[in-house]
Amino acid sequence: LHEEALVQVLTEPRNALVRQYKKMFEMEECSLEFTEGALREIAKLARLRKTGARGLRSILEQVMFELMFELPELERGQKFVITEEIVKGDRKSIHRGDSAAA
């Protein structure tokens, strides 16, 4: 699959991975967004690893692991934005802010 198709797999189906993560964050009273660049970078990694759509879950789990571990302990109402830099490994780029302000 090409990158655009992989991005669609991440976002469009009713049980899409991105929707699953957003729902988990909602359960913790936080919000989660992925930039277009982040989604494209995840798709690009799946193509480079030659894993296609099957590899999307493991890539997303790797990107989200640390944040998911910390999430239950974090203040409620925060908004998290996953960017291309975060997907590339720059954990310092995770935007944490008040979702009411965003």
PDB file of N, CA and C in Angstrom:
ATOM      1  N   LEU A   1       0.835  -1.189   0.000  1.00  0.00           N
ATOM      2  CA  LEU A   1       0.000   0.000   0.000  1.00  0.00           C
ATOM      3  C   LEU A   1       0.878   1.251   0.000  1.00  0.00           C
ATOM      4  N   HIS A   2       0.411   2.307  -0.645  1.00  0.00           N
ATOM      5  CA  HIS A   2       1.155   3.560  -0.638  1.00  0.00           C
ATOM      6  C   HIS A   2       0.825   4.339   0.645  1.00  0.00           C
ATOM      7  N   GLU A   3       1.571   5.398   0.904  1.00  0.00           N
ATOM      8  CA  GLU A   3       1.424   6.146   2.156  1.00  0.00           C
ATOM      9  C   GLU A   3       0.004   6.652   2.388  1.00  0.00           C
ATOM     10  N   GLU A   4      -0.621   7.175   1.346  1.00  0.00           N
ATOM     11  CA  GLU A   4      -1.979   7.714   1.502  1.00  0.00           C
ATOM     12  C   GLU A   4      -2.952   6.618   1.953  1.00  0.00           C
ATOM     13  N   ALA A   5      -2.828   5.434   1.400  1.00  0.00           N
ATOM     14  CA  ALA A   5      -3.696   4.323   1.788  1.00  0.00           C
ATOM     15  C   ALA A   5      -3.434   3.909   3.237  1.00  0.00           C
ATOM     16  N   LEU A   6      -2.173   3.938   3.651  1.00  0.00           N
ATOM     17  CA  LEU A   6      -1.848   3.591   5.036  1.00  0.00           C
ATOM     18  C   LEU A   6      -2.409   4.627   6.007  1.00  0.00           C
ATOM     19  N   VAL A   7      -2.363   5.904   5.633  1.00  0.00           N
ATOM     20  CA  VAL A   7      -2.959   6.960   6.464  1.00  0.00           C
ATOM     21  C   VAL A   7      -4.465   6.726   6.577  1.00  0.00           C
ATOM     22  N   GLN A   8      -5.102   6.325   5.490  1.00  0.00           N
ATOM     23  CA  GLN A   8      -6.537   6.023   5.528  1.00  0.00           C
ATOM     24  C   GLN A   8      -6.817   4.860   6.473  1.00  0.00           C
ATOM     25  N   VAL A   9      -5.972   3.844   6.461  1.00  0.00           N
ATOM     26  CA  VAL A   9      -6.149   2.701   7.366  1.00  0.00           C
ATOM     27  C   VAL A   9      -6.036   3.167   8.820  1.00  0.00           C
ATOM     28  N   LEU A  10      -5.151   4.111   9.083  1.00  0.00           N
ATOM     29  CA  LEU A  10      -4.972   4.636  10.436  1.00  0.00           C
ATOM     30  C   LEU A  10      -6.177   5.441  10.920  1.00  0.00           C
ATOM     31  N   THR A  11      -6.884   6.093  10.003  1.00  0.00           N
ATOM     32  CA  THR A  11      -7.875   7.092  10.421  1.00  0.00           C
ATOM     33  C   THR A  11      -9.326   6.824  10.043  1.00  0.00           C
ATOM     34  N   GLU A  12      -9.589   6.118   8.966  1.00  0.00           N
ATOM     35  CA  GLU A  12     -10.953   6.079   8.439  1.00  0.00           C
ATOM     36  C   GLU A  12     -11.868   4.952   8.921  1.00  0.00           C
ATOM     37  N   PRO A  13     -11.395   3.734   9.088  1.00  0.00           N
ATOM     38  CA  PRO A  13     -12.342   2.687   9.514  1.00  0.00           C
ATOM     39  C   PRO A  13     -12.974   3.002  10.870  1.00  0.00           C
ATOM     40  N   ARG A  14     -14.107   2.421  11.111  1.00  0.00           N
ATOM     41  CA  ARG A  14     -14.813   2.656  12.373  1.00  0.00           C
ATOM     42  C   ARG A  14     -13.935   2.296  13.581  1.00  0.00           C
ATOM     43  N   ASN A  15     -13.112   1.272  13.444  1.00  0.00           N
ATOM     44  CA  ASN A  15     -12.244   0.848  14.536  1.00  0.00           C
ATOM     45  C   ASN A  15     -10.777   1.216  14.256  1.00  0.00           C
ATOM     46  N   ALA A  16     -10.560   2.336  13.570  1.00  0.00           N
ATOM     47  CA  ALA A  16      -9.220   2.774  13.208  1.00  0.00           C
ATOM     48  C   ALA A  16      -8.347   2.960  14.453  1.00  0.00           C
ATOM     49  N   LEU A  17      -7.064   2.699  14.294  1.00  0.00           N
ATOM     50  CA  LEU A  17      -6.136   2.807  15.413  1.00  0.00           C
ATOM     51  C   LEU A  17      -6.136   4.200  16.044  1.00  0.00           C
ATOM     52  N   VAL A  18      -6.141   5.228  15.233  1.00  0.00           N
ATOM     53  CA  VAL A  18      -6.145   6.589  15.762  1.00  0.00           C
ATOM     54  C   VAL A  18      -7.401   6.822  16.609  1.00  0.00           C
ATOM     55  N   ARG A  19      -8.530   6.340  16.155  1.00  0.00           N
ATOM     56  CA  ARG A  19      -9.772   6.490  16.921  1.00  0.00           C
ATOM     57  C   ARG A  19      -9.701   5.733  18.250  1.00  0.00           C
ATOM     58  N   GLN A  20      -9.068   4.559  18.237  1.00  0.00           N
ATOM     59  CA  GLN A  20      -8.922   3.787  19.470  1.00  0.00           C
ATOM     60  C   GLN A  20      -8.098   4.554  20.496  1.00  0.00           C
ATOM     61  N   TYR A  21      -6.993   5.140  20.063  1.00  0.00           N
ATOM     62  CA  TYR A  21      -6.164   5.912  20.980  1.00  0.00           C
ATOM     63  C   TYR A  21      -6.889   7.159  21.481  1.00  0.00           C
ATOM     64  N   LYS A  22      -7.613   7.827  20.601  1.00  0.00           N
ATOM     65  CA  LYS A  22      -8.366   9.006  21.024  1.00  0.00           C
ATOM     66  C   LYS A  22      -9.393   8.630  22.089  1.00  0.00           C
ATOM     67  N   LYS A  23     -10.028   7.486  21.909  1.00  0.00           N
ATOM     68  CA  LYS A  23     -11.032   7.020  22.870  1.00  0.00           C
ATOM     69  C   LYS A  23     -10.387   6.714  24.222  1.00  0.00           C
ATOM     70  N   MET A  24      -9.209   6.104  24.210  1.00  0.00           N
ATOM     71  CA  MET A  24      -8.507   5.823  25.468  1.00  0.00           C
ATOM     72  C   MET A  24      -8.192   7.119  26.204  1.00  0.00           C
ATOM     73  N   PHE A  25      -7.787   8.149  25.464  1.00  0.00           N
ATOM     74  CA  PHE A  25      -7.488   9.428  26.092  1.00  0.00           C
ATOM     75  C   PHE A  25      -8.761  10.075  26.627  1.00  0.00           C
ATOM     76  N   GLU A  26      -9.860   9.943  25.904  1.00  0.00           N
ATOM     77  CA  GLU A  26     -11.138  10.472  26.382  1.00  0.00           C
ATOM     78  C   GLU A  26     -11.540   9.807  27.693  1.00  0.00           C
ATOM     79  N   MET A  27     -11.244   8.528  27.826  1.00  0.00           N
ATOM     80  CA  MET A  27     -11.568   7.807  29.056  1.00  0.00           C
ATOM     81  C   MET A  27     -10.796   8.375  30.241  1.00  0.00           C
ATOM     82  N   GLU A  28      -9.653   8.979  29.973  1.00  0.00           N
ATOM     83  CA  GLU A  28      -8.842   9.613  31.015  1.00  0.00           C
ATOM     84  C   GLU A  28      -9.098  11.125  31.067  1.00  0.00           C
ATOM     85  N   GLU A  29     -10.173  11.563  30.399  1.00  0.00           N
ATOM     86  CA  GLU A  29     -10.590  12.964  30.357  1.00  0.00           C
ATOM     87  C   GLU A  29      -9.512  13.874  29.763  1.00  0.00           C
ATOM     88  N   CYS A  30      -8.823  13.383  28.765  1.00  0.00           N
ATOM     89  CA  CYS A  30      -7.827  14.145  28.020  1.00  0.00           C
ATOM     90  C   CYS A  30      -8.176  14.047  26.538  1.00  0.00           C
ATOM     91  N   SER A  31      -7.530  14.866  25.730  1.00  0.00           N
ATOM     92  CA  SER A  31      -7.755  14.765  24.296  1.00  0.00           C
ATOM     93  C   SER A  31      -6.434  14.484  23.589  1.00  0.00           C
ATOM     94  N   LEU A  32      -6.549  13.895  22.419  1.00  0.00           N
ATOM     95  CA  LEU A  32      -5.381  13.489  21.650  1.00  0.00           C
ATOM     96  C   LEU A  32      -5.601  13.858  20.196  1.00  0.00           C
ATOM     97  N   GLU A  33      -4.581  14.413  19.580  1.00  0.00           N
ATOM     98  CA  GLU A  33      -4.620  14.733  18.159  1.00  0.00           C
ATOM     99  C   GLU A  33      -3.335  14.243  17.512  1.00  0.00           C
ATOM    100  N   PHE A  34      -3.440  13.895  16.246  1.00  0.00           N
ATOM    101  CA  PHE A  34      -2.286  13.538  15.425  1.00  0.00           C
ATOM    102  C   PHE A  34      -2.216  14.538  14.286  1.00  0.00           C
ATOM    103  N   THR A  35      -1.044  15.114  14.069  1.00  0.00           N
ATOM    104  CA  THR A  35      -0.912  16.011  12.916  1.00  0.00           C
ATOM    105  C   THR A  35      -0.841  15.166  11.653  1.00  0.00           C
ATOM    106  N   GLU A  36      -1.109  15.798  10.524  1.00  0.00           N
ATOM    107  CA  GLU A  36      -1.010  15.101   9.240  1.00  0.00           C
ATOM    108  C   GLU A  36       0.416  14.577   9.041  1.00  0.00           C
ATOM    109  N   GLY A  37       1.392  15.366   9.458  1.00  0.00           N
ATOM    110  CA  GLY A  37       2.796  14.944   9.344  1.00  0.00           C
ATOM    111  C   GLY A  37       3.091  13.699  10.153  1.00  0.00           C
ATOM    112  N   ALA A  38       2.506  13.606  11.338  1.00  0.00           N
ATOM    113  CA  ALA A  38       2.703  12.424  12.181  1.00  0.00           C
ATOM    114  C   ALA A  38       2.118  11.182  11.516  1.00  0.00           C
ATOM    115  N   LEU A  39       0.919  11.315  10.979  1.00  0.00           N
ATOM    116  CA  LEU A  39       0.275  10.177  10.313  1.00  0.00           C
ATOM    117  C   LEU A  39       1.083   9.729   9.098  1.00  0.00           C
ATOM    118  N   ARG A  40       1.585  10.689   8.347  1.00  0.00           N
ATOM    119  CA  ARG A  40       2.397  10.356   7.173  1.00  0.00           C
ATOM    120  C   ARG A  40       3.719   9.699   7.574  1.00  0.00           C
ATOM    121  N   GLU A  41       4.296  10.152   8.663  1.00  0.00           N
ATOM    122  CA  GLU A  41       5.549   9.559   9.135  1.00  0.00           C
ATOM    123  C   GLU A  41       5.325   8.115   9.596  1.00  0.00           C
ATOM    124  N   ILE A  42       4.217   7.854  10.268  1.00  0.00           N
ATOM    125  CA  ILE A  42       3.886   6.487  10.683  1.00  0.00           C
ATOM    126  C   ILE A  42       3.723   5.609   9.449  1.00  0.00           C
ATOM    127  N   ALA A  43       3.010   6.114   8.441  1.00  0.00           N
ATOM    128  CA  ALA A  43       2.822   5.369   7.191  1.00  0.00           C
ATOM    129  C   ALA A  43       4.167   5.135   6.497  1.00  0.00           C
ATOM    130  N   LYS A  44       5.021   6.148   6.504  1.00  0.00           N
ATOM    131  CA  LYS A  44       6.336   6.025   5.878  1.00  0.00           C
ATOM    132  C   LYS A  44       7.170   4.940   6.569  1.00  0.00           C
ATOM    133  N   LEU A  45       7.108   4.897   7.904  1.00  0.00           N
ATOM    134  CA  LEU A  45       7.843   3.866   8.648  1.00  0.00           C
ATOM    135  C   LEU A  45       7.332   2.469   8.303  1.00  0.00           C
ATOM    136  N   ALA A  46       6.026   2.332   8.159  1.00  0.00           N
ATOM    137  CA  ALA A  46       5.457   1.023   7.801  1.00  0.00           C
ATOM    138  C   ALA A  46       5.950   0.595   6.419  1.00  0.00           C
ATOM    139  N   ARG A  47       6.044   1.534   5.509  1.00  0.00           N
ATOM    140  CA  ARG A  47       6.567   1.208   4.170  1.00  0.00           C
ATOM    141  C   ARG A  47       8.047   0.859   4.220  1.00  0.00           C
ATOM    142  N   LEU A  48       8.829   1.629   4.982  1.00  0.00           N
ATOM    143  CA  LEU A  48      10.269   1.356   5.086  1.00  0.00           C
ATOM    144  C   LEU A  48      10.538  -0.008   5.710  1.00  0.00           C
ATOM    145  N   ARG A  49       9.736  -0.372   6.680  1.00  0.00           N
ATOM    146  CA  ARG A  49       9.888  -1.676   7.345  1.00  0.00           C
ATOM    147  C   ARG A  49       9.268  -2.809   6.541  1.00  0.00           C
ATOM    148  N   LYS A  50       8.582  -2.439   5.462  1.00  0.00           N
ATOM    149  CA  LYS A  50       7.903  -3.403   4.593  1.00  0.00           C
ATOM    150  C   LYS A  50       6.889  -4.252   5.359  1.00  0.00           C
ATOM    151  N   THR A  51       6.196  -3.590   6.304  1.00  0.00           N
ATOM    152  CA  THR A  51       5.183  -4.287   7.086  1.00  0.00           C
ATOM    153  C   THR A  51       3.768  -3.922   6.646  1.00  0.00           C
ATOM    154  N   GLY A  52       3.641  -2.851   5.855  1.00  0.00           N
ATOM    155  CA  GLY A  52       2.333  -2.442   5.381  1.00  0.00           C
ATOM    156  C   GLY A  52       1.377  -2.140   6.515  1.00  0.00           C
ATOM    157  N   ALA A  53       0.099  -2.375   6.276  1.00  0.00           N
ATOM    158  CA  ALA A  53      -0.936  -2.057   7.261  1.00  0.00           C
ATOM    159  C   ALA A  53      -0.781  -2.883   8.536  1.00  0.00           C
ATOM    160  N   ARG A  54      -0.240  -4.082   8.422  1.00  0.00           N
ATOM    161  CA  ARG A  54      -0.060  -4.935   9.609  1.00  0.00           C
ATOM    162  C   ARG A  54       0.903  -4.322  10.613  1.00  0.00           C
ATOM    163  N   GLY A  55       1.850  -3.523  10.133  1.00  0.00           N
ATOM    164  CA  GLY A  55       2.848  -2.935  11.009  1.00  0.00           C
ATOM    165  C   GLY A  55       2.433  -1.633  11.658  1.00  0.00           C
ATOM    166  N   LEU A  56       1.310  -1.084  11.251  1.00  0.00           N
ATOM    167  CA  LEU A  56       0.890   0.209  11.786  1.00  0.00           C
ATOM    168  C   LEU A  56       0.673   0.171  13.290  1.00  0.00           C
ATOM    169  N   ARG A  57       0.053  -0.891  13.789  1.00  0.00           N
ATOM    170  CA  ARG A  57      -0.219  -0.992  15.227  1.00  0.00           C
ATOM    171  C   ARG A  57       1.072  -0.980  16.040  1.00  0.00           C
ATOM    172  N   SER A  58       2.064  -1.749  15.632  1.00  0.00           N
ATOM    173  CA  SER A  58       3.304  -1.808  16.417  1.00  0.00           C
ATOM    174  C   SER A  58       4.042  -0.472  16.381  1.00  0.00           C
ATOM    175  N   ILE A  59       4.000   0.213  15.243  1.00  0.00           N
ATOM    176  CA  ILE A  59       4.640   1.529  15.151  1.00  0.00           C
ATOM    177  C   ILE A  59       3.918   2.522  16.062  1.00  0.00           C
ATOM    178  N   LEU A  60       2.608   2.520  16.016  1.00  0.00           N
ATOM    179  CA  LEU A  60       1.829   3.428  16.851  1.00  0.00           C
ATOM    180  C   LEU A  60       2.019   3.108  18.337  1.00  0.00           C
ATOM    181  N   GLU A  61       2.076   1.837  18.680  1.00  0.00           N
ATOM    182  CA  GLU A  61       2.320   1.453  20.071  1.00  0.00           C
ATOM    183  C   GLU A  61       3.674   1.953  20.542  1.00  0.00           C
ATOM    184  N   GLN A  62       4.672   1.857  19.689  1.00  0.00           N
ATOM    185  CA  GLN A  62       6.007   2.331  20.026  1.00  0.00           C
ATOM    186  C   GLN A  62       5.996   3.848  20.259  1.00  0.00           C
ATOM    187  N   VAL A  63       5.304   4.570  19.409  1.00  0.00           N
ATOM    188  CA  VAL A  63       5.218   6.031  19.532  1.00  0.00           C
ATOM    189  C   VAL A  63       4.483   6.416  20.814  1.00  0.00           C
ATOM    190  N   MET A  64       3.418   5.711  21.138  1.00  0.00           N
ATOM    191  CA  MET A  64       2.539   6.092  22.239  1.00  0.00           C
ATOM    192  C   MET A  64       2.885   5.468  23.583  1.00  0.00           C
ATOM    193  N   PHE A  65       3.816   4.525  23.624  1.00  0.00           N
ATOM    194  CA  PHE A  65       4.074   3.725  24.822  1.00  0.00           C
ATOM    195  C   PHE A  65       4.290   4.571  26.077  1.00  0.00           C
ATOM    196  N   GLU A  66       5.249   5.469  26.023  1.00  0.00           N
ATOM    197  CA  GLU A  66       5.604   6.254  27.211  1.00  0.00           C
ATOM    198  C   GLU A  66       4.440   7.126  27.682  1.00  0.00           C
ATOM    199  N   LEU A  67       3.786   7.780  26.748  1.00  0.00           N
ATOM    200  CA  LEU A  67       2.660   8.642  27.096  1.00  0.00           C
ATOM    201  C   LEU A  67       1.500   7.833  27.675  1.00  0.00           C
ATOM    202  N   MET A  68       1.220   6.684  27.108  1.00  0.00           N
ATOM    203  CA  MET A  68       0.142   5.836  27.619  1.00  0.00           C
ATOM    204  C   MET A  68       0.448   5.356  29.043  1.00  0.00           C
ATOM    205  N   PHE A  69       1.712   5.090  29.317  1.00  0.00           N
ATOM    206  CA  PHE A  69       2.122   4.640  30.647  1.00  0.00           C
ATOM    207  C   PHE A  69       1.889   5.752  31.669  1.00  0.00           C
ATOM    208  N   GLU A  70       2.179   6.983  31.287  1.00  0.00           N
ATOM    209  CA  GLU A  70       2.050   8.124  32.192  1.00  0.00           C
ATOM    210  C   GLU A  70       0.623   8.648  32.297  1.00  0.00           C
ATOM    211  N   LEU A  71      -0.208   8.393  31.317  1.00  0.00           N
ATOM    212  CA  LEU A  71      -1.524   9.010  31.206  1.00  0.00           C
ATOM    213  C   LEU A  71      -2.385   8.927  32.468  1.00  0.00           C
ATOM    214  N   PRO A  72      -2.517   7.771  33.125  1.00  0.00           N
ATOM    215  CA  PRO A  72      -3.392   7.721  34.307  1.00  0.00           C
ATOM    216  C   PRO A  72      -2.949   8.654  35.439  1.00  0.00           C
ATOM    217  N   GLU A  73      -1.682   9.003  35.478  1.00  0.00           N
ATOM    218  CA  GLU A  73      -1.156   9.848  36.544  1.00  0.00           C
ATOM    219  C   GLU A  73      -1.185  11.338  36.200  1.00  0.00           C
ATOM    220  N   LEU A  74      -1.460  11.674  34.946  1.00  0.00           N
ATOM    221  CA  LEU A  74      -1.416  13.064  34.501  1.00  0.00           C
ATOM    222  C   LEU A  74      -2.704  13.802  34.838  1.00  0.00           C
ATOM    223  N   GLU A  75      -2.597  15.114  34.931  1.00  0.00           N
ATOM    224  CA  GLU A  75      -3.745  15.959  35.213  1.00  0.00           C
ATOM    225  C   GLU A  75      -4.799  15.832  34.115  1.00  0.00           C
ATOM    226  N   ARG A  76      -6.052  15.773  34.513  1.00  0.00           N
ATOM    227  CA  ARG A  76      -7.161  15.664  33.569  1.00  0.00           C
ATOM    228  C   ARG A  76      -7.308  16.959  32.763  1.00  0.00           C
ATOM    229  N   GLY A  77      -7.925  16.863  31.603  1.00  0.00           N
ATOM    230  CA  GLY A  77      -8.228  18.037  30.801  1.00  0.00           C
ATOM    231  C   GLY A  77      -7.104  18.480  29.889  1.00  0.00           C
ATOM    232  N   GLN A  78      -6.032  17.717  29.813  1.00  0.00           N
ATOM    233  CA  GLN A  78      -4.915  18.095  28.961  1.00  0.00           C
ATOM    234  C   GLN A  78      -5.165  17.669  27.519  1.00  0.00           C
ATOM    235  N   LYS A  79      -4.499  18.349  26.630  1.00  0.00           N
ATOM    236  CA  LYS A  79      -4.563  18.028  25.209  1.00  0.00           C
ATOM    237  C   LYS A  79      -3.164  17.634  24.761  1.00  0.00           C
ATOM    238  N   PHE A  80      -3.066  16.531  24.062  1.00  0.00           N
ATOM    239  CA  PHE A  80      -1.787  16.030  23.573  1.00  0.00           C
ATOM    240  C   PHE A  80      -1.814  16.017  22.051  1.00  0.00           C
ATOM    241  N   VAL A  81      -0.754  16.530  21.454  1.00  0.00           N
ATOM    242  CA  VAL A  81      -0.650  16.589  20.004  1.00  0.00           C
ATOM    243  C   VAL A  81       0.578  15.783  19.589  1.00  0.00           C
ATOM    244  N   ILE A  82       0.352  14.734  18.814  1.00  0.00           N
ATOM    245  CA  ILE A  82       1.437  13.901  18.314  1.00  0.00           C
ATOM    246  C   ILE A  82       1.864  14.461  16.967  1.00  0.00           C
ATOM    247  N   THR A  83       3.121  14.833  16.872  1.00  0.00           N
ATOM    248  CA  THR A  83       3.660  15.454  15.662  1.00  0.00           C
ATOM    249  C   THR A  83       4.646  14.511  14.973  1.00  0.00           C
ATOM    250  N   GLU A  84       5.079  14.923  13.808  1.00  0.00           N
ATOM    251  CA  GLU A  84       6.072  14.159  13.050  1.00  0.00           C
ATOM    252  C   GLU A  84       7.356  13.980  13.856  1.00  0.00           C
ATOM    253  N   GLU A  85       7.764  15.008  14.594  1.00  0.00           N
ATOM    254  CA  GLU A  85       8.988  14.935  15.399  1.00  0.00           C
ATOM    255  C   GLU A  85       8.869  13.880  16.489  1.00  0.00           C
ATOM    256  N   ILE A  86       7.699  13.771  17.080  1.00  0.00           N
ATOM    257  CA  ILE A  86       7.481  12.758  18.118  1.00  0.00           C
ATOM    258  C   ILE A  86       7.580  11.370  17.521  1.00  0.00           C
ATOM    259  N   VAL A  87       6.989  11.174  16.358  1.00  0.00           N
ATOM    260  CA  VAL A  87       7.057   9.868  15.690  1.00  0.00           C
ATOM    261  C   VAL A  87       8.510   9.519  15.389  1.00  0.00           C
ATOM    262  N   LYS A  88       9.309  10.524  15.077  1.00  0.00           N
ATOM    263  CA  LYS A  88      10.732  10.305  14.794  1.00  0.00           C
ATOM    264  C   LYS A  88      11.557  10.099  16.057  1.00  0.00           C
ATOM    265  N   GLY A  89      10.945  10.261  17.242  1.00  0.00           N
ATOM    266  CA  GLY A  89      11.632   9.952  18.488  1.00  0.00           C
ATOM    267  C   GLY A  89      11.902  11.118  19.410  1.00  0.00           C
ATOM    268  N   ASP A  90      11.471  12.324  19.083  1.00  0.00           N
ATOM    269  CA  ASP A  90      11.707  13.495  19.927  1.00  0.00           C
ATOM    270  C   ASP A  90      10.585  13.618  20.952  1.00  0.00           C
ATOM    271  N   ARG A  91      10.725  12.943  22.082  1.00  0.00           N
ATOM    272  CA  ARG A  91       9.687  12.929  23.125  1.00  0.00           C
ATOM    273  C   ARG A  91       9.472  14.301  23.753  1.00  0.00           C
ATOM    274  N   LYS A  92      10.458  15.173  23.669  1.00  0.00           N
ATOM    275  CA  LYS A  92      10.335  16.503  24.264  1.00  0.00           C
ATOM    276  C   LYS A  92       9.329  17.362  23.516  1.00  0.00           C
ATOM    277  N   SER A  93       8.960  16.957  22.317  1.00  0.00           N
ATOM    278  CA  SER A  93       8.038  17.740  21.492  1.00  0.00           C
ATOM    279  C   SER A  93       6.574  17.507  21.835  1.00  0.00           C
ATOM    280  N   ILE A  94       6.273  16.584  22.733  1.00  0.00           N
ATOM    281  CA  ILE A  94       4.877  16.305  23.059  1.00  0.00           C
ATOM    282  C   ILE A  94       4.263  17.549  23.682  1.00  0.00           C
ATOM    283  N   HIS A  95       3.242  18.065  23.010  1.00  0.00           N
ATOM    284  CA  HIS A  95       2.554  19.253  23.516  1.00  0.00           C
ATOM    285  C   HIS A  95       1.547  18.823  24.557  1.00  0.00           C
ATOM    286  N   ARG A  96       1.690  19.366  25.716  1.00  0.00           N
ATOM    287  CA  ARG A  96       0.727  19.112  26.772  1.00  0.00           C
ATOM    288  C   ARG A  96       0.131  20.448  27.159  1.00  0.00           C
ATOM    289  N   GLY A  97      -1.122  20.574  26.996  1.00  0.00           N
ATOM    290  CA  GLY A  97      -1.751  21.844  27.322  1.00  0.00           C
ATOM    291  C   GLY A  97      -3.161  21.648  27.800  1.00  0.00           C
ATOM    292  N   ASP A  98      -3.731  22.703  28.307  1.00  0.00           N
ATOM    293  CA  ASP A  98      -5.105  22.695  28.753  1.00  0.00           C
ATOM    294  C   ASP A  98      -6.015  22.592  27.540  1.00  0.00           C
ATOM    295  N   SER A  99      -6.853  21.581  27.478  1.00  0.00           N
ATOM    296  CA  SER A  99      -7.691  21.402  26.292  1.00  0.00           C
ATOM    297  C   SER A  99      -8.750  22.484  26.182  1.00  0.00           C
ATOM    298  N   ALA A 100      -9.067  23.152  27.272  1.00  0.00           N
ATOM    299  CA  ALA A 100     -10.030  24.236  27.200  1.00  0.00           C
ATOM    300  C   ALA A 100      -9.459  25.427  26.433  1.00  0.00           C
ATOM    301  N   ALA A 101      -8.140  25.578  26.497  1.00  0.00           N
ATOM    302  CA  ALA A 101      -7.495  26.683  25.797  1.00  0.00           C
ATOM    303  C   ALA A 101      -7.286  26.375  24.328  1.00  0.00           C
ATOM    304  N   ALA A 102      -7.349  25.105  23.967  1.00  0.00           N
ATOM    305  CA  ALA A 102      -7.061  24.724  22.583  1.00  0.00           C
ATOM    306  C   ALA A 102      -8.302  24.638  21.756  1.00  0.00           C
TER     307      ALA A 102
END
